[in-house]
Amino acid sequence: MHFAYQPRKSSHPPVYPTRSQSRSLTYNQRRQLKIGAIILCSLFFFILIIRRLSSGGEDRIPPGTPEVVIVTLIDEENMSKEYIAKIQENRKDYAARHGYATFFPTVSSYPSINDSPRTWSLVPALRHAMTLHPHSTYFFSLSPHALIMNPSLNLRSHILAPQTLEKVMLRDKSIVPPDSVIKTFGNLKADWIDLVLTQDGEGLCQGSFILKNGDWARFFLDTWFDPLYRSYNFQKAEAHALEHIIQWHPTILTKLGLIPSRLLNSYNLEIASRGGKNVMYRDGDFVVRLVGCESDPNRSCEKEFDEWSSKLKDTEEKKIGR
């Protein structure tokens, strides 16, 4: 029987590193890895610090930033220059007392609304204001056909302070009176609120409201201005679109703080369908709105504005004892 021969060993065996050489190589590799890791970490933190310094601190509010920006949309085609000047003076006087800013966009500045009613310009105007004042906390949207009648009231202490807002918010209240099934939440907290609105006997009032700056505010305005809603041809245009999105978008409803009308939106006339005497202006109220003056051919917004402006002047003179 024959057995296979074992394979002959090569006369040139491979050269293997000695045990000491192998250990030395591994040690060097580890050392290089450690040094590389330290360099990378140092570089990462250096870049992070440089970016923070170069950004100027995006989260920090620059000195002199107004907490509140008052936004009043001007329809220069349907208002006289004199009337516009009176409106601006009323807002500027109030803003100067409290360190607020004012912004007076014009309807013609927003041609993107196309065939939609001109009142839709309010929404991009607010977006514009947020772009110009990115660090301001609140945006107070006030109809041009309204006057600030109690300029001594600070918005924070009057409404926006959490302890104040907590007390005045209307909970379990129908969004569209009298019996809408969609209501404000009963467990709302003031810290959650980003949109402060009032309502009258007919529905929500967008003639005077406050919006808190932030990602949610931008989402809200983008949703409100959606081309789909503008194409619906709501009877009251952006007003009915606002009611629609608040009722059917829980993300918006959960941020809504509904407050009594006279805190932010008193009326100059008694209109039964809108709430009658309950929403009419009384001495000491913050704002008086000349409700419906722009759509009634028998009324003059400018004339009514002048009458209330005279009342404001008389009240202020009495306060200082003239």
Protein backbone atom coordinates (compact mmCIF):
# COMPACT_ATOMS: atom_id res chain seq x y z
CA MET A 1 0.00 0.00 0.00
CA HIS A 2 1.30 3.42 -0.91
CA PHE A 3 0.79 6.52 1.17
CA ALA A 4 0.84 10.06 -0.17
CA TYR A 5 3.93 11.98 0.61
CA GLN A 6 3.61 14.97 2.80
CA PRO A 7 4.07 18.23 0.88
CA ARG A 8 7.63 19.45 0.94
CA LYS A 9 8.26 22.51 3.04
CA SER A 10 9.20 25.60 1.15
CA SER A 11 12.83 26.55 1.30
CA HIS A 12 11.69 30.21 1.56
CA PRO A 13 9.33 30.42 4.56
CA PRO A 14 7.32 33.68 4.94
CA VAL A 15 8.81 36.23 7.20
CA TYR A 16 6.57 36.78 10.26
CA PRO A 17 7.04 39.65 12.70
CA THR A 18 8.33 38.73 16.05
CA ARG A 19 6.06 38.98 19.05
CA SER A 20 7.80 42.16 20.22
CA GLN A 21 7.43 43.76 16.76
CA SER A 22 3.70 42.88 16.66
CA ARG A 23 3.12 44.48 20.04
CA SER A 24 5.06 47.58 19.05
CA LEU A 25 2.99 48.02 15.86
CA THR A 26 -0.34 47.68 17.70
CA TYR A 27 0.74 50.20 20.31
CA ASN A 28 1.67 52.73 17.62
CA GLN A 29 -1.64 52.28 15.86
CA ARG A 30 -3.58 52.82 19.07
CA ARG A 31 -1.58 55.89 19.88
CA GLN A 32 -2.26 57.36 16.44
CA LEU A 33 -5.99 56.64 16.77
CA LYS A 34 -6.11 58.39 20.15
CA ILE A 35 -4.29 61.42 18.81
CA GLY A 36 -6.60 61.53 15.78
CA ALA A 37 -9.71 61.31 17.96
CA ILE A 38 -8.48 64.15 20.17
CA ILE A 39 -7.79 66.32 17.12
CA LEU A 40 -11.24 65.62 15.61
CA CYS A 41 -13.05 66.39 18.88
CA SER A 42 -11.07 69.58 19.33
CA LEU A 43 -11.86 70.61 15.76
CA PHE A 44 -15.57 69.88 16.25
CA PHE A 45 -15.83 71.98 19.40
CA PHE A 46 -13.80 74.77 17.78
CA ILE A 47 -16.20 74.91 14.80
CA LEU A 48 -19.20 74.84 17.16
CA ILE A 49 -17.86 77.79 19.18
CA ILE A 50 -17.05 79.77 16.03
CA ARG A 51 -20.57 79.22 14.64
CA ARG A 52 -22.18 80.38 17.86
CA LEU A 53 -20.04 83.47 17.99
CA SER A 54 -20.57 84.32 14.32
CA SER A 55 -24.37 83.86 14.59
CA GLY A 56 -24.49 86.58 17.22
CA GLY A 57 -26.65 84.34 19.39
CA GLU A 58 -29.79 83.63 17.39
CA ASP A 59 -31.71 82.78 20.55
CA ARG A 60 -30.77 86.04 22.23
CA ILE A 61 -33.03 89.05 21.79
CA PRO A 62 -31.01 92.06 20.61
CA PRO A 63 -31.11 95.11 22.90
CA GLY A 64 -33.88 97.54 22.02
CA THR A 65 -36.14 94.91 20.46
CA PRO A 66 -39.82 95.87 20.95
CA GLU A 67 -41.84 93.22 22.73
CA VAL A 68 -44.97 94.09 20.73
CA VAL A 69 -45.44 95.20 17.13
CA ILE A 70 -48.76 96.88 16.29
CA VAL A 71 -49.82 95.95 12.75
CA THR A 72 -52.52 97.97 10.99
CA LEU A 73 -53.24 97.24 7.33
CA ILE A 74 -53.88 100.39 5.28
CA ASP A 75 -56.12 100.43 2.20
CA GLU A 76 -54.70 103.52 0.54
CA GLU A 77 -57.16 103.32 -2.36
CA ASN A 78 -60.17 103.73 -0.08
CA MET A 79 -58.75 106.00 2.64
CA SER A 80 -57.75 109.63 2.44
CA LYS A 81 -54.19 110.63 3.34
CA GLU A 82 -55.59 112.62 6.27
CA TYR A 83 -57.44 109.60 7.61
CA ILE A 84 -54.35 107.39 7.26
CA ALA A 85 -52.27 109.96 9.15
CA LYS A 86 -54.79 110.00 12.02
CA ILE A 87 -54.78 106.21 12.25
CA GLN A 88 -50.99 106.11 12.34
CA GLU A 89 -50.81 108.84 14.97
CA ASN A 90 -53.12 106.89 17.28
CA ARG A 91 -50.95 103.75 17.06
CA LYS A 92 -47.63 105.58 17.27
CA ASP A 93 -48.67 107.50 20.36
CA TYR A 94 -49.62 104.29 22.14
CA ALA A 95 -46.47 102.46 20.97
CA ALA A 96 -44.21 105.27 22.16
CA ARG A 97 -45.62 105.04 25.68
CA HIS A 98 -44.77 101.37 26.04
CA GLY A 99 -41.72 100.86 23.85
CA TYR A 100 -43.65 99.03 21.13
CA ALA A 101 -43.14 99.24 17.37
CA THR A 102 -45.67 99.96 14.62
CA PHE A 103 -46.02 98.61 11.11
CA PHE A 104 -48.42 100.02 8.49
CA PRO A 105 -48.41 97.74 5.43
CA THR A 106 -50.59 98.66 2.46
CA VAL A 107 -53.02 96.41 0.64
CA SER A 108 -51.30 97.09 -2.69
CA SER A 109 -48.07 95.59 -1.33
CA TYR A 110 -49.53 92.08 -1.59
CA PRO A 111 -50.67 91.45 -5.17
CA SER A 112 -50.43 87.68 -4.65
CA ILE A 113 -54.02 87.55 -3.43
CA ASN A 114 -55.11 87.71 -7.09
CA ASP A 115 -58.91 87.73 -7.35
CA SER A 116 -59.51 87.21 -3.64
CA PRO A 117 -61.11 90.01 -1.60
CA ARG A 118 -58.63 92.73 -0.62
CA THR A 119 -59.13 91.99 3.07
CA TRP A 120 -57.09 88.80 2.61
CA SER A 121 -54.00 91.05 2.53
CA LEU A 122 -54.05 91.03 6.31
CA VAL A 123 -52.49 87.56 6.43
CA PRO A 124 -49.35 88.19 4.33
CA ALA A 125 -49.05 91.58 6.07
CA LEU A 126 -48.63 89.78 9.40
CA ARG A 127 -46.09 87.43 7.83
CA HIS A 128 -44.26 90.51 6.56
CA ALA A 129 -44.24 92.04 10.05
CA MET A 130 -42.75 88.86 11.51
CA THR A 131 -39.98 88.97 8.92
CA LEU A 132 -39.14 92.59 9.76
CA HIS A 133 -39.27 91.97 13.53
CA PRO A 134 -38.08 88.38 14.01
CA HIS A 135 -37.19 88.85 17.69
CA SER A 136 -40.40 90.58 18.84
CA THR A 137 -42.65 88.42 20.98
CA TYR A 138 -46.16 89.57 20.03
CA PHE A 139 -47.93 91.04 17.02
CA PHE A 140 -51.05 93.05 17.75
CA SER A 141 -53.22 93.17 14.63
CA LEU A 142 -55.67 96.07 14.80
CA SER A 143 -58.19 97.16 12.18
CA PRO A 144 -57.60 100.64 10.71
CA HIS A 145 -61.18 101.48 11.66
CA ALA A 146 -60.45 101.34 15.38
CA LEU A 147 -58.88 103.52 18.04
CA ILE A 148 -56.83 102.72 21.10
CA MET A 149 -58.87 104.58 23.69
CA ASN A 150 -56.95 103.74 26.85
CA PRO A 151 -53.28 104.17 25.95
CA SER A 152 -52.20 103.71 29.56
CA LEU A 153 -52.94 99.98 29.37
CA ASN A 154 -49.92 97.79 28.77
CA LEU A 155 -50.75 94.69 26.72
CA ARG A 156 -48.81 92.37 28.99
CA SER A 157 -50.45 93.47 32.24
CA HIS A 158 -53.84 93.98 30.60
CA ILE A 159 -54.07 90.60 28.82
CA LEU A 160 -50.87 88.69 28.08
CA ALA A 161 -49.40 88.03 31.52
CA PRO A 162 -50.06 84.32 32.25
CA GLN A 163 -51.79 85.04 35.55
CA THR A 164 -54.11 87.52 33.81
CA LEU A 165 -54.82 85.43 30.74
CA GLU A 166 -55.50 82.42 32.95
CA LYS A 167 -58.34 84.32 34.64
CA VAL A 168 -60.01 85.82 31.57
CA MET A 169 -59.88 82.94 29.06
CA LEU A 170 -63.26 81.57 28.04
CA ARG A 171 -63.25 77.77 28.37
CA ASP A 172 -65.82 75.34 26.90
CA LYS A 173 -67.08 78.22 24.77
CA SER A 174 -68.59 77.60 21.31
CA ILE A 175 -66.28 78.91 18.61
CA VAL A 176 -69.19 80.12 16.51
CA PRO A 177 -72.10 81.22 18.70
CA PRO A 178 -74.59 80.38 19.79
CA ASP A 179 -74.30 76.59 19.73
CA SER A 180 -71.35 75.40 17.66
CA VAL A 181 -70.37 71.88 18.72
CA ILE A 182 -66.70 72.85 18.50
CA LYS A 183 -65.68 74.59 21.71
CA THR A 184 -62.55 75.91 23.35
CA PHE A 185 -60.86 73.32 25.54
CA GLY A 186 -61.75 73.27 29.20
CA ASN A 187 -58.25 72.45 30.44
CA LEU A 188 -56.35 75.17 28.59
CA LYS A 189 -53.43 76.85 30.32
CA ALA A 190 -52.23 80.37 29.60
CA ASP A 191 -48.73 79.11 28.80
CA TRP A 192 -50.12 77.17 25.84
CA ILE A 193 -51.75 80.17 24.15
CA ASP A 194 -50.28 81.65 20.97
CA LEU A 195 -53.41 83.31 19.55
CA VAL A 196 -55.68 85.67 21.51
CA LEU A 197 -59.05 86.38 19.91
CA THR A 198 -62.49 87.71 20.78
CA GLN A 199 -65.92 86.87 19.45
CA ASP A 200 -69.26 88.61 19.15
CA GLY A 201 -72.76 87.27 18.59
CA GLU A 202 -71.98 86.32 14.99
CA GLY A 203 -68.57 84.68 15.28
CA LEU A 204 -64.86 85.24 15.75
CA CYS A 205 -63.47 88.75 15.34
CA GLN A 206 -60.25 89.21 13.39
CA GLY A 207 -60.44 93.01 13.62
CA SER A 208 -58.35 93.00 16.79
CA PHE A 209 -56.23 90.05 17.91
CA ILE A 210 -52.79 89.16 19.22
CA LEU A 211 -50.43 86.56 17.76
CA LYS A 212 -47.34 85.23 19.53
CA ASN A 213 -44.22 84.94 17.40
CA GLY A 214 -42.77 81.50 16.67
CA ASP A 215 -42.94 78.44 14.44
CA TRP A 216 -46.57 77.87 15.32
CA ALA A 217 -47.51 81.43 14.28
CA ARG A 218 -45.90 80.91 10.88
CA PHE A 219 -47.72 77.60 10.49
CA PHE A 220 -51.00 79.28 11.47
CA LEU A 221 -50.62 82.12 8.95
CA ASP A 222 -49.59 79.73 6.17
CA THR A 223 -52.62 77.56 6.88
CA TRP A 224 -54.97 80.55 6.99
CA PHE A 225 -53.63 81.86 3.68
CA ASP A 226 -53.78 78.50 1.93
CA PRO A 227 -54.97 78.98 -1.70
CA LEU A 228 -57.56 76.27 -1.12
CA TYR A 229 -59.36 78.34 1.52
CA ARG A 230 -59.12 81.48 -0.59
CA SER A 231 -60.78 79.59 -3.42
CA TYR A 232 -63.76 78.62 -1.26
CA ASN A 233 -65.32 82.10 -1.66
CA PHE A 234 -66.44 82.29 1.95
CA GLN A 235 -69.11 84.92 2.49
CA LYS A 236 -66.86 86.86 4.86
CA ALA A 237 -63.62 85.89 3.15
CA GLU A 238 -60.72 85.55 5.61
CA ALA A 239 -63.05 85.87 8.63
CA HIS A 240 -64.97 82.70 7.77
CA ALA A 241 -61.75 80.97 6.71
CA LEU A 242 -60.38 81.71 10.18
CA GLU A 243 -63.42 80.15 11.82
CA HIS A 244 -63.09 77.13 9.55
CA ILE A 245 -59.45 76.36 10.33
CA ILE A 246 -59.88 76.93 14.08
CA GLN A 247 -62.84 74.55 14.24
CA TRP A 248 -61.39 71.79 12.11
CA HIS A 249 -57.68 71.93 12.96
CA PRO A 250 -57.04 70.80 16.56
CA THR A 251 -53.45 72.02 16.22
CA ILE A 252 -54.84 75.55 15.96
CA LEU A 253 -57.69 75.18 18.42
CA THR A 254 -55.31 74.06 21.17
CA LYS A 255 -53.41 77.35 20.89
CA LEU A 256 -56.46 79.62 20.93
CA GLY A 257 -57.21 81.85 23.89
CA LEU A 258 -60.70 83.28 23.57
CA ILE A 259 -61.29 86.31 25.80
CA PRO A 260 -64.24 88.65 26.50
CA SER A 261 -64.78 91.12 23.68
CA ARG A 262 -64.45 94.33 25.66
CA LEU A 263 -60.90 93.51 26.72
CA LEU A 264 -59.65 93.91 23.17
CA ASN A 265 -62.49 94.71 20.78
CA SER A 266 -65.32 96.95 22.03
CA TYR A 267 -67.84 98.26 19.49
CA ASN A 268 -68.98 101.85 19.01
CA LEU A 269 -72.53 100.86 18.10
CA GLU A 270 -75.15 98.62 19.65
CA ILE A 271 -75.88 95.86 17.13
CA ALA A 272 -78.23 93.18 18.45
CA SER A 273 -76.90 90.36 16.23
CA ARG A 274 -73.34 91.06 17.34
CA GLY A 275 -74.01 91.06 21.06
CA GLY A 276 -75.78 94.35 21.72
CA LYS A 277 -74.74 96.25 24.82
CA ASN A 278 -72.54 93.42 26.05
CA VAL A 279 -69.85 94.28 23.51
CA MET A 280 -70.36 98.05 23.36
CA TYR A 281 -67.60 100.41 24.42
CA ARG A 282 -67.58 101.74 27.97
CA ASP A 283 -65.27 104.29 29.52
CA GLY A 284 -61.92 102.72 30.32
CA ASP A 285 -62.07 100.03 27.63
CA PHE A 286 -58.87 99.47 25.70
CA VAL A 287 -60.06 99.67 22.08
CA VAL A 288 -63.16 100.91 20.28
CA ARG A 289 -63.87 99.50 16.85
CA LEU A 290 -66.04 101.27 14.30
CA VAL A 291 -67.65 98.00 13.39
CA GLY A 292 -69.13 97.78 9.91
CA CYS A 293 -68.42 101.40 8.93
CA GLU A 294 -66.51 100.45 5.79
CA SER A 295 -69.40 98.43 4.35
CA ASP A 296 -72.26 100.81 5.15
CA PRO A 297 -72.72 103.56 2.52
CA ASN A 298 -74.62 105.67 5.06
CA ARG A 299 -71.65 105.85 7.41
CA SER A 300 -68.23 107.48 7.23
CA CYS A 301 -65.35 105.71 8.95
CA GLU A 302 -63.26 108.86 8.97
CA LYS A 303 -66.01 110.98 10.50
CA GLU A 304 -66.67 108.42 13.24
CA PHE A 305 -62.92 108.14 13.83
CA ASP A 306 -62.74 111.90 14.35
CA GLU A 307 -65.59 111.80 16.87
CA TRP A 308 -63.89 109.12 18.95
CA SER A 309 -60.53 110.81 18.59
CA SER A 310 -62.05 113.93 20.15
CA LYS A 311 -63.39 111.84 23.04
CA LEU A 312 -59.95 110.36 23.55
CA LYS A 313 -58.34 113.79 23.59
CA ASP A 314 -60.87 115.06 26.16
CA THR A 315 -60.27 112.02 28.37
CA GLU A 316 -56.50 112.44 28.25
CA GLU A 317 -56.74 116.15 29.08
CA LYS A 318 -58.91 115.40 32.10
CA LYS A 319 -56.34 112.87 33.34
CA ILE A 320 -53.56 115.42 33.35
CA GLY A 321 -55.80 118.09 34.89
CA ARG A 322 -55.89 120.59 32.08
